[in-house]
């Protein structure tokens, strides 16, 4: 999580949520789906508002 609160843009919150909802946790760990999606942006995030890079 980002400081002082909230999530960073690259946090894997959605990946973890989907893993918990969709996987049989008696067989798989929620970490099984981590790393399936991208963990970085191809262009660095800006330091100030508007954090997302322009579309290309």
Protein backbone atom coordinates (compact mmCIF):
# COMPACT_ATOMS: atom_id res chain seq x y z
CA UNK A 1 0.00 0.00 0.00
CA UNK A 2 1.07 3.52 -0.63
CA UNK A 3 2.04 5.94 2.12
CA UNK A 4 0.18 7.32 4.06
CA UNK A 5 -2.85 5.38 2.85
CA UNK A 6 -4.38 3.90 -0.24
CA UNK A 7 -2.92 1.82 -3.05
CA UNK A 8 -0.14 2.46 -5.50
CA UNK A 9 -1.00 2.21 -9.19
CA UNK A 10 1.10 -0.94 -9.55
CA UNK A 11 -0.36 -2.78 -6.50
CA UNK A 12 -1.81 -6.21 -7.27
CA UNK A 13 -5.07 -5.71 -5.35
CA UNK A 14 -7.30 -6.85 -8.24
CA UNK A 15 -5.12 -9.92 -8.90
CA UNK A 16 -5.34 -10.99 -5.25
CA UNK A 17 -9.10 -10.36 -5.10
CA UNK A 18 -9.76 -12.43 -8.23
CA UNK A 19 -7.52 -15.23 -6.98
CA UNK A 20 -9.45 -15.43 -3.70
CA UNK A 21 -12.82 -15.35 -5.50
CA UNK A 22 -12.06 -17.71 -8.38
CA UNK A 23 -9.56 -20.28 -7.07
CA UNK A 24 -10.37 -23.31 -4.95
CA UNK A 25 -8.34 -22.31 -1.90
CA UNK A 26 -8.21 -25.93 -0.72
CA UNK A 27 -6.05 -26.68 -3.78
CA UNK A 28 -4.41 -23.37 -4.75
CA UNK A 29 -2.88 -20.42 -2.97
CA UNK A 30 -4.00 -16.86 -3.83
CA UNK A 31 -0.38 -16.28 -4.87
CA UNK A 32 -0.85 -18.70 -7.80
CA UNK A 33 -2.33 -15.92 -9.95
CA UNK A 34 0.19 -13.26 -8.96
CA UNK A 35 2.52 -12.49 -11.79
CA UNK A 36 -0.05 -13.38 -14.46
CA UNK A 37 -0.75 -9.74 -15.25
CA UNK A 38 1.72 -6.93 -15.81
CA UNK A 39 3.39 -5.55 -12.72
CA UNK A 40 4.87 -2.45 -14.36
CA UNK A 41 3.81 0.21 -16.81
CA UNK A 42 5.78 0.51 -20.05
CA UNK A 43 6.17 4.26 -19.40
CA UNK A 44 7.12 5.55 -15.91
CA UNK A 45 4.32 7.04 -13.81
CA UNK A 46 4.48 10.79 -13.19
CA UNK A 47 5.40 12.00 -9.69
CA UNK A 48 2.46 14.42 -9.50
CA UNK A 49 -1.16 14.61 -10.55
CA UNK A 50 -2.02 13.25 -13.38
CA UNK A 51 -0.09 10.13 -12.42
CA UNK A 52 -0.85 8.08 -15.52
CA UNK A 53 1.29 8.48 -18.61
CA UNK A 54 -0.37 9.88 -21.75
CA UNK A 55 -1.87 7.20 -24.02
CA UNK A 56 0.22 6.06 -26.95
